[in-house]
Amino acid sequence: MVQDALDDTVRLKAALRQLRWLLTSFQGSGIEQFHRQEGAPAPKQEALEEPVDRVVEGDRASDLAQVRQELGDCRRCRLHATRTNLVFGEGSAEAGLLFVGEGPGFDEDRLGRPFVGRAGKLLDKMIQAIGLRREDVYICNVVKCRPPENRTPEADEVAQCSPFLFRQIEAIRPKAICALGLSAAQALLGRTTSMGGLRGKRFQWRGTPMVCTYHPAYLLRNPAQKAAAWQDLRLLSRLLNEPRTKAEL
């Protein structure tokens, strides 16, 4: 049943793409309006009540579900051997803001949810500080399984998991991305620059504005850096309030 629903979604998306192409072709030929032939029956009103953009928005949830289905019970790297739960991500598929952390910790591994421990509570406060709620955003990690003893993920582990992270971001199409910590920033930007050299600046990830800041767990250990993180959040808030171009919708 799930596969049938996914197949229907794929066919609907293909039909919408063809319709947009046809409309663009007509407009390029100077045809701006379409007139009903004399005597032809009027279309049923019900067919016009569902706006096309609502269907397009719904695609984000189905695309995200497809990524999760393809990830499956992942055993692509060594991290699966010591995990309790795979932690895919959590939040709104329509989120304008997407947070990316390093990987699950003890509490996240136990519950199968991202950022639910002490660091998660601090992240909730950071989200609230820019006028949003946790349910308004999407939260995920570079790797989906907890590294033993919360160590930094190895390069080959990131290489196996990052394609699914990238597809999560592409499915949601957020207005802005916030990389929490150096591992997330380096995975998204492909750079080895220190966090001190990355934070406080605006980057682009495949056309989406991105800000890097300290991981909440780091801020719990180094509360003096909370002022710097607040400056990053203010930059992030400005990005969210910028007008969105048609290409980003």
C-alpha atoms as a PDB file:
ATOM      1  CA  MET A   1       0.000   0.000   0.000  1.00  0.00           C
ATOM      2  CA  VAL A   2       2.859   2.388   0.880  1.00  0.00           C
ATOM      3  CA  GLN A   3       4.599   1.592  -2.401  1.00  0.00           C
ATOM      4  CA  ASP A   4       1.373   2.222  -4.353  1.00  0.00           C
ATOM      5  CA  ALA A   5       1.034   5.624  -2.674  1.00  0.00           C
ATOM      6  CA  LEU A   6       4.633   6.485  -3.537  1.00  0.00           C
ATOM      7  CA  ASP A   7       4.094   5.386  -7.156  1.00  0.00           C
ATOM      8  CA  ASP A   8       1.001   7.595  -7.360  1.00  0.00           C
ATOM      9  CA  THR A   9       2.989  10.518  -5.980  1.00  0.00           C
ATOM     10  CA  VAL A  10       5.749  10.025  -8.569  1.00  0.00           C
ATOM     11  CA  ARG A  11       3.183   9.928 -11.398  1.00  0.00           C
ATOM     12  CA  LEU A  12       1.448  13.048 -10.075  1.00  0.00           C
ATOM     13  CA  LYS A  13       4.745  14.939  -9.861  1.00  0.00           C
ATOM     14  CA  ALA A  14       5.594  13.924 -13.427  1.00  0.00           C
ATOM     15  CA  ALA A  15       2.189  15.113 -14.655  1.00  0.00           C
ATOM     16  CA  LEU A  16       2.629  18.450 -12.897  1.00  0.00           C
ATOM     17  CA  ARG A  17       6.054  18.912 -14.461  1.00  0.00           C
ATOM     18  CA  GLN A  18       4.602  18.223 -17.918  1.00  0.00           C
ATOM     19  CA  LEU A  19       1.756  20.658 -17.298  1.00  0.00           C
ATOM     20  CA  ARG A  20       4.144  23.405 -16.228  1.00  0.00           C
ATOM     21  CA  TRP A  21       6.281  22.765 -19.334  1.00  0.00           C
ATOM     22  CA  LEU A  22       3.219  23.028 -21.580  1.00  0.00           C
ATOM     23  CA  LEU A  23       2.048  26.250 -19.947  1.00  0.00           C
ATOM     24  CA  THR A  24       5.533  27.740 -20.264  1.00  0.00           C
ATOM     25  CA  SER A  25       5.641  26.743 -23.938  1.00  0.00           C
ATOM     26  CA  PHE A  26       2.259  28.366 -24.610  1.00  0.00           C
ATOM     27  CA  GLN A  27       3.295  31.565 -22.888  1.00  0.00           C
ATOM     28  CA  GLY A  28       6.532  31.639 -24.860  1.00  0.00           C
ATOM     29  CA  SER A  29       4.416  31.504 -28.016  1.00  0.00           C
ATOM     30  CA  GLY A  30       2.378  34.519 -26.888  1.00  0.00           C
ATOM     31  CA  ILE A  31      -0.630  32.555 -25.632  1.00  0.00           C
ATOM     32  CA  GLU A  32      -1.600  34.012 -22.257  1.00  0.00           C
ATOM     33  CA  GLN A  33      -5.266  32.977 -21.897  1.00  0.00           C
ATOM     34  CA  PHE A  34      -7.411  30.005 -22.843  1.00  0.00           C
ATOM     35  CA  HIS A  35     -11.059  30.351 -23.877  1.00  0.00           C
ATOM     36  CA  ARG A  36     -13.717  27.682 -23.616  1.00  0.00           C
ATOM     37  CA  GLN A  37     -15.233  26.650 -26.943  1.00  0.00           C
ATOM     38  CA  GLU A  38     -18.782  27.946 -27.553  1.00  0.00           C
ATOM     39  CA  GLY A  39     -21.288  25.394 -26.278  1.00  0.00           C
ATOM     40  CA  ALA A  40     -18.720  23.381 -24.361  1.00  0.00           C
ATOM     41  CA  PRO A  41     -19.787  22.383 -20.827  1.00  0.00           C
ATOM     42  CA  ALA A  42     -18.374  24.482 -18.011  1.00  0.00           C
ATOM     43  CA  PRO A  43     -15.736  22.728 -15.916  1.00  0.00           C
ATOM     44  CA  LYS A  44     -16.784  21.519 -12.483  1.00  0.00           C
ATOM     45  CA  GLN A  45     -15.889  23.990  -9.746  1.00  0.00           C
ATOM     46  CA  GLU A  46     -14.479  21.217  -7.541  1.00  0.00           C
ATOM     47  CA  ALA A  47     -11.561  20.733  -9.923  1.00  0.00           C
ATOM     48  CA  LEU A  48     -10.474  24.337  -9.354  1.00  0.00           C
ATOM     49  CA  GLU A  49     -10.689  24.432  -5.600  1.00  0.00           C
ATOM     50  CA  GLU A  50      -7.377  22.682  -4.906  1.00  0.00           C
ATOM     51  CA  PRO A  51      -4.522  25.087  -5.781  1.00  0.00           C
ATOM     52  CA  VAL A  52      -1.521  23.549  -7.498  1.00  0.00           C
ATOM     53  CA  ASP A  53       0.971  24.939  -4.976  1.00  0.00           C
ATOM     54  CA  ARG A  54      -0.663  22.895  -2.194  1.00  0.00           C
ATOM     55  CA  VAL A  55       0.126  19.741  -4.164  1.00  0.00           C
ATOM     56  CA  VAL A  56       3.706  20.900  -4.639  1.00  0.00           C
ATOM     57  CA  GLU A  57       4.088  21.537  -0.899  1.00  0.00           C
ATOM     58  CA  GLY A  58       2.772  18.069  -0.172  1.00  0.00           C
ATOM     59  CA  ASP A  59       5.550  16.633  -2.309  1.00  0.00           C
ATOM     60  CA  ARG A  60       8.057  17.608   0.387  1.00  0.00           C
ATOM     61  CA  ALA A  61       6.572  15.187   2.906  1.00  0.00           C
ATOM     62  CA  SER A  62       6.374  12.365   0.360  1.00  0.00           C
ATOM     63  CA  ASP A  63       9.931  13.031  -0.858  1.00  0.00           C
ATOM     64  CA  LEU A  64      11.146  12.945   2.733  1.00  0.00           C
ATOM     65  CA  ALA A  65       9.265   9.702   3.364  1.00  0.00           C
ATOM     66  CA  GLN A  66      10.904   8.198   0.300  1.00  0.00           C
ATOM     67  CA  VAL A  67      14.373   9.118   1.591  1.00  0.00           C
ATOM     68  CA  ARG A  68      13.542   7.430   4.907  1.00  0.00           C
ATOM     69  CA  GLN A  69      12.282   4.331   3.122  1.00  0.00           C
ATOM     70  CA  GLU A  70      15.454   4.064   1.038  1.00  0.00           C
ATOM     71  CA  LEU A  71      17.648   4.525   4.107  1.00  0.00           C
ATOM     72  CA  GLY A  72      15.833   1.564   5.654  1.00  0.00           C
ATOM     73  CA  ASP A  73      17.510  -0.362   8.467  1.00  0.00           C
ATOM     74  CA  CYS A  74      20.837   1.103   7.408  1.00  0.00           C
ATOM     75  CA  ARG A  75      23.956  -1.045   7.773  1.00  0.00           C
ATOM     76  CA  ARG A  76      26.157   0.872   5.357  1.00  0.00           C
ATOM     77  CA  CYS A  77      28.881   1.625   7.919  1.00  0.00           C
ATOM     78  CA  ARG A  78      30.171   0.303  11.230  1.00  0.00           C
ATOM     79  CA  LEU A  79      27.983   2.605  13.339  1.00  0.00           C
ATOM     80  CA  HIS A  80      24.949   0.344  12.949  1.00  0.00           C
ATOM     81  CA  ALA A  81      26.610  -2.332  15.085  1.00  0.00           C
ATOM     82  CA  THR A  82      26.464  -0.274  18.294  1.00  0.00           C
ATOM     83  CA  ARG A  83      23.285   1.757  17.827  1.00  0.00           C
ATOM     84  CA  THR A  84      20.013   1.272  19.667  1.00  0.00           C
ATOM     85  CA  ASN A  85      17.894   3.314  17.274  1.00  0.00           C
ATOM     86  CA  LEU A  86      18.501   4.960  13.928  1.00  0.00           C
ATOM     87  CA  VAL A  87      17.769   8.711  14.240  1.00  0.00           C
ATOM     88  CA  PHE A  88      16.520  10.005  10.899  1.00  0.00           C
ATOM     89  CA  GLY A  89      15.249  13.478  11.761  1.00  0.00           C
ATOM     90  CA  GLU A  90      12.256  15.320  13.146  1.00  0.00           C
ATOM     91  CA  GLY A  91      10.115  18.346  12.398  1.00  0.00           C
ATOM     92  CA  SER A  92       8.044  19.965   9.708  1.00  0.00           C
ATOM     93  CA  ALA A  93       8.508  18.899   6.091  1.00  0.00           C
ATOM     94  CA  GLU A  94       7.463  22.473   5.223  1.00  0.00           C
ATOM     95  CA  ALA A  95      10.112  24.022   7.481  1.00  0.00           C
ATOM     96  CA  GLY A  96      11.743  27.252   6.408  1.00  0.00           C
ATOM     97  CA  LEU A  97      14.688  26.543   8.717  1.00  0.00           C
ATOM     98  CA  LEU A  98      16.664  23.305   8.901  1.00  0.00           C
ATOM     99  CA  PHE A  99      19.229  22.491  11.603  1.00  0.00           C
ATOM    100  CA  VAL A 100      22.004  19.956  11.016  1.00  0.00           C
ATOM    101  CA  GLY A 101      23.950  18.505  13.942  1.00  0.00           C
ATOM    102  CA  GLU A 102      26.813  16.031  14.116  1.00  0.00           C
ATOM    103  CA  GLY A 103      25.143  12.804  15.219  1.00  0.00           C
ATOM    104  CA  PRO A 104      22.901  11.262  17.890  1.00  0.00           C
ATOM    105  CA  GLY A 105      24.049  11.171  21.499  1.00  0.00           C
ATOM    106  CA  PHE A 106      23.060   8.815  24.314  1.00  0.00           C
ATOM    107  CA  ASP A 107      19.518  10.123  24.773  1.00  0.00           C
ATOM    108  CA  GLU A 108      18.896  10.434  21.041  1.00  0.00           C
ATOM    109  CA  ASP A 109      20.074   6.866  20.439  1.00  0.00           C
ATOM    110  CA  ARG A 110      17.812   5.630  23.224  1.00  0.00           C
ATOM    111  CA  LEU A 111      14.695   7.471  22.014  1.00  0.00           C
ATOM    112  CA  GLY A 112      15.286   7.563  18.252  1.00  0.00           C
ATOM    113  CA  ARG A 113      14.830  11.370  18.133  1.00  0.00           C
ATOM    114  CA  PRO A 114      17.358  14.155  17.468  1.00  0.00           C
ATOM    115  CA  PHE A 115      18.399  16.664  20.132  1.00  0.00           C
ATOM    116  CA  VAL A 116      16.361  15.466  23.125  1.00  0.00           C
ATOM    117  CA  GLY A 117      18.996  15.632  25.870  1.00  0.00           C
ATOM    118  CA  ARG A 118      20.488  18.689  27.590  1.00  0.00           C
ATOM    119  CA  ALA A 119      21.834  19.963  24.275  1.00  0.00           C
ATOM    120  CA  GLY A 120      18.376  19.525  22.789  1.00  0.00           C
ATOM    121  CA  LYS A 121      16.803  21.650  25.502  1.00  0.00           C
ATOM    122  CA  LEU A 122      19.318  24.404  24.774  1.00  0.00           C
ATOM    123  CA  LEU A 123      18.558  24.117  21.051  1.00  0.00           C
ATOM    124  CA  ASP A 124      14.860  24.543  21.849  1.00  0.00           C
ATOM    125  CA  LYS A 125      15.717  27.825  23.604  1.00  0.00           C
ATOM    126  CA  MET A 126      17.836  28.943  20.648  1.00  0.00           C
ATOM    127  CA  ILE A 127      14.916  28.261  18.306  1.00  0.00           C
ATOM    128  CA  GLN A 128      12.552  30.178  20.559  1.00  0.00           C
ATOM    129  CA  ALA A 129      15.009  33.093  20.691  1.00  0.00           C
ATOM    130  CA  ILE A 130      14.405  33.756  16.991  1.00  0.00           C
ATOM    131  CA  GLY A 131      10.647  33.556  17.337  1.00  0.00           C
ATOM    132  CA  LEU A 132      10.074  29.957  16.243  1.00  0.00           C
ATOM    133  CA  ARG A 133       8.968  26.711  17.846  1.00  0.00           C
ATOM    134  CA  ARG A 134      10.629  23.331  17.560  1.00  0.00           C
ATOM    135  CA  GLU A 135       7.696  22.041  15.491  1.00  0.00           C
ATOM    136  CA  ASP A 136       8.242  24.872  12.976  1.00  0.00           C
ATOM    137  CA  VAL A 137      11.731  23.711  11.993  1.00  0.00           C
ATOM    138  CA  TYR A 138      13.380  20.470  10.864  1.00  0.00           C
ATOM    139  CA  ILE A 139      16.242  18.917  12.836  1.00  0.00           C
ATOM    140  CA  CYS A 140      18.592  16.174  11.659  1.00  0.00           C
ATOM    141  CA  ASN A 141      22.225  15.058  11.849  1.00  0.00           C
ATOM    142  CA  VAL A 142      25.084  14.279   9.506  1.00  0.00           C
ATOM    143  CA  VAL A 143      25.177  10.646  10.677  1.00  0.00           C
ATOM    144  CA  LYS A 144      22.024   8.798  11.694  1.00  0.00           C
ATOM    145  CA  CYS A 145      23.578   6.415  14.232  1.00  0.00           C
ATOM    146  CA  ARG A 146      25.372   7.288  17.454  1.00  0.00           C
ATOM    147  CA  PRO A 147      29.176   7.063  17.251  1.00  0.00           C
ATOM    148  CA  PRO A 148      30.549   5.052  20.200  1.00  0.00           C
ATOM    149  CA  GLU A 149      31.232   7.245  23.249  1.00  0.00           C
ATOM    150  CA  ASN A 150      29.961  10.222  21.223  1.00  0.00           C
ATOM    151  CA  ARG A 151      33.212  10.413  19.265  1.00  0.00           C
ATOM    152  CA  THR A 152      33.455  12.515  16.102  1.00  0.00           C
ATOM    153  CA  PRO A 153      32.193  10.573  13.051  1.00  0.00           C
ATOM    154  CA  GLU A 154      34.922   9.166  10.823  1.00  0.00           C
ATOM    155  CA  ALA A 155      35.268  10.364   7.225  1.00  0.00           C
ATOM    156  CA  ASP A 156      34.013   7.076   5.751  1.00  0.00           C
ATOM    157  CA  GLU A 157      30.964   7.136   8.056  1.00  0.00           C
ATOM    158  CA  VAL A 158      30.124  10.673   6.931  1.00  0.00           C
ATOM    159  CA  ALA A 159      30.621   9.626   3.313  1.00  0.00           C
ATOM    160  CA  GLN A 160      28.053   6.835   3.680  1.00  0.00           C
ATOM    161  CA  CYS A 161      25.464   8.954   5.500  1.00  0.00           C
ATOM    162  CA  SER A 162      25.804  12.410   3.932  1.00  0.00           C
ATOM    163  CA  PRO A 163      23.973  11.537   0.677  1.00  0.00           C
ATOM    164  CA  PHE A 164      20.843  10.887   2.751  1.00  0.00           C
ATOM    165  CA  LEU A 165      21.342  14.167   4.614  1.00  0.00           C
ATOM    166  CA  PHE A 166      21.641  16.012   1.306  1.00  0.00           C
ATOM    167  CA  ARG A 167      18.445  14.387   0.058  1.00  0.00           C
ATOM    168  CA  GLN A 168      16.645  15.372   3.254  1.00  0.00           C
ATOM    169  CA  ILE A 169      17.610  18.996   2.654  1.00  0.00           C
ATOM    170  CA  GLU A 170      16.615  18.809  -1.011  1.00  0.00           C
ATOM    171  CA  ALA A 171      13.249  17.285  -0.080  1.00  0.00           C
ATOM    172  CA  ILE A 172      12.424  20.019   2.440  1.00  0.00           C
ATOM    173  CA  ARG A 173      13.884  22.917   0.432  1.00  0.00           C
ATOM    174  CA  PRO A 174      14.318  25.166   3.492  1.00  0.00           C
ATOM    175  CA  LYS A 175      14.820  28.889   3.250  1.00  0.00           C
ATOM    176  CA  ALA A 176      17.949  28.668   5.415  1.00  0.00           C
ATOM    177  CA  ILE A 177      20.227  26.036   6.970  1.00  0.00           C
ATOM    178  CA  CYS A 178      22.018  26.224  10.313  1.00  0.00           C
ATOM    179  CA  ALA A 179      25.010  23.916  10.782  1.00  0.00           C
ATOM    180  CA  LEU A 180      25.449  23.115  14.469  1.00  0.00           C
ATOM    181  CA  GLY A 181      29.097  22.361  15.147  1.00  0.00           C
ATOM    182  CA  LEU A 182      32.193  21.801  13.088  1.00  0.00           C
ATOM    183  CA  SER A 183      31.340  18.310  11.825  1.00  0.00           C
ATOM    184  CA  ALA A 184      28.060  19.523  10.316  1.00  0.00           C
ATOM    185  CA  ALA A 185      29.671  22.638   8.837  1.00  0.00           C
ATOM    186  CA  GLN A 186      32.508  20.680   7.244  1.00  0.00           C
ATOM    187  CA  ALA A 187      30.193  17.993   5.880  1.00  0.00           C
ATOM    188  CA  LEU A 188      27.990  20.596   4.181  1.00  0.00           C
ATOM    189  CA  LEU A 189      30.690  22.983   2.995  1.00  0.00           C
ATOM    190  CA  GLY A 190      33.458  20.483   2.260  1.00  0.00           C
ATOM    191  CA  ARG A 191      35.987  22.645   4.112  1.00  0.00           C
ATOM    192  CA  THR A 192      38.436  21.996   6.947  1.00  0.00           C
ATOM    193  CA  THR A 193      38.239  25.551   8.289  1.00  0.00           C
ATOM    194  CA  SER A 194      37.856  25.933  12.052  1.00  0.00           C
ATOM    195  CA  MET A 195      34.519  27.001  13.524  1.00  0.00           C
ATOM    196  CA  GLY A 196      36.073  30.326  14.445  1.00  0.00           C
ATOM    197  CA  GLY A 197      36.669  30.912  10.750  1.00  0.00           C
ATOM    198  CA  LEU A 198      33.178  29.784   9.720  1.00  0.00           C
ATOM    199  CA  ARG A 199      30.779  31.342  12.204  1.00  0.00           C
ATOM    200  CA  GLY A 200      29.392  34.845  11.756  1.00  0.00           C
ATOM    201  CA  LYS A 201      29.336  34.492   7.974  1.00  0.00           C
ATOM    202  CA  ARG A 202      26.788  33.677   5.311  1.00  0.00           C
ATOM    203  CA  PHE A 203      27.412  30.648   3.101  1.00  0.00           C
ATOM    204  CA  GLN A 204      25.458  28.866   0.397  1.00  0.00           C
ATOM    205  CA  TRP A 205      24.663  25.174   0.233  1.00  0.00           C
ATOM    206  CA  ARG A 206      23.492  24.435  -3.322  1.00  0.00           C
ATOM    207  CA  GLY A 207      21.828  27.832  -3.483  1.00  0.00           C
ATOM    208  CA  THR A 208      20.356  27.801   0.042  1.00  0.00           C
ATOM    209  CA  PRO A 209      21.679  30.376   2.552  1.00  0.00           C
ATOM    210  CA  MET A 210      23.543  28.773   5.422  1.00  0.00           C
ATOM    211  CA  VAL A 211      24.962  29.863   8.774  1.00  0.00           C
ATOM    212  CA  CYS A 212      27.403  27.934  10.957  1.00  0.00           C
ATOM    213  CA  THR A 213      27.405  28.177  14.739  1.00  0.00           C
ATOM    214  CA  TYR A 214      28.534  26.285  17.808  1.00  0.00           C
ATOM    215  CA  HIS A 215      26.878  23.012  18.709  1.00  0.00           C
ATOM    216  CA  PRO A 216      24.604  23.315  21.766  1.00  0.00           C
ATOM    217  CA  ALA A 217      26.659  20.643  23.555  1.00  0.00           C
ATOM    218  CA  TYR A 218      29.758  22.813  23.072  1.00  0.00           C
ATOM    219  CA  LEU A 219      27.879  25.825  24.433  1.00  0.00           C
ATOM    220  CA  LEU A 220      26.957  23.861  27.561  1.00  0.00           C
ATOM    221  CA  ARG A 221      30.672  23.237  28.139  1.00  0.00           C
ATOM    222  CA  ASN A 222      31.684  26.760  27.089  1.00  0.00           C
ATOM    223  CA  PRO A 223      28.898  29.148  28.114  1.00  0.00           C
ATOM    224  CA  ALA A 224      31.097  32.169  27.331  1.00  0.00           C
ATOM    225  CA  GLN A 225      30.523  31.426  23.630  1.00  0.00           C
ATOM    226  CA  LYS A 226      26.731  31.837  23.912  1.00  0.00           C
ATOM    227  CA  ALA A 227      27.080  35.531  23.012  1.00  0.00           C
ATOM    228  CA  ALA A 228      28.795  34.593  19.739  1.00  0.00           C
ATOM    229  CA  ALA A 229      26.108  31.989  19.041  1.00  0.00           C
ATOM    230  CA  TRP A 230      23.440  34.649  19.605  1.00  0.00           C
ATOM    231  CA  GLN A 231      25.073  36.795  16.914  1.00  0.00           C
ATOM    232  CA  ASP A 232      24.885  33.806  14.553  1.00  0.00           C
ATOM    233  CA  LEU A 233      21.210  33.347  15.369  1.00  0.00           C
ATOM    234  CA  ARG A 234      20.537  37.005  14.604  1.00  0.00           C
ATOM    235  CA  LEU A 235      22.178  36.527  11.194  1.00  0.00           C
ATOM    236  CA  LEU A 236      20.073  33.415  10.669  1.00  0.00           C
ATOM    237  CA  SER A 237      16.917  35.337  11.554  1.00  0.00           C
ATOM    238  CA  ARG A 238      17.767  38.014   8.973  1.00  0.00           C
ATOM    239  CA  LEU A 239      18.187  35.337   6.302  1.00  0.00           C
ATOM    240  CA  LEU A 240      14.787  33.891   7.149  1.00  0.00           C
ATOM    241  CA  ASN A 241      13.172  37.291   6.744  1.00  0.00           C
ATOM    242  CA  GLU A 242      14.673  37.964   3.335  1.00  0.00           C
ATOM    243  CA  PRO A 243      12.276  37.670   0.376  1.00  0.00           C
ATOM    244  CA  ARG A 244      12.356  34.266  -1.232  1.00  0.00           C
ATOM    245  CA  THR A 245      13.018  34.082  -4.971  1.00  0.00           C
ATOM    246  CA  LYS A 246      10.893  32.008  -7.335  1.00  0.00           C
ATOM    247  CA  ALA A 247      13.832  29.665  -7.881  1.00  0.00           C
ATOM    248  CA  GLU A 248      13.877  28.864  -4.145  1.00  0.00           C
ATOM    249  CA  LEU A 249      10.157  28.003  -3.905  1.00  0.00           C
END
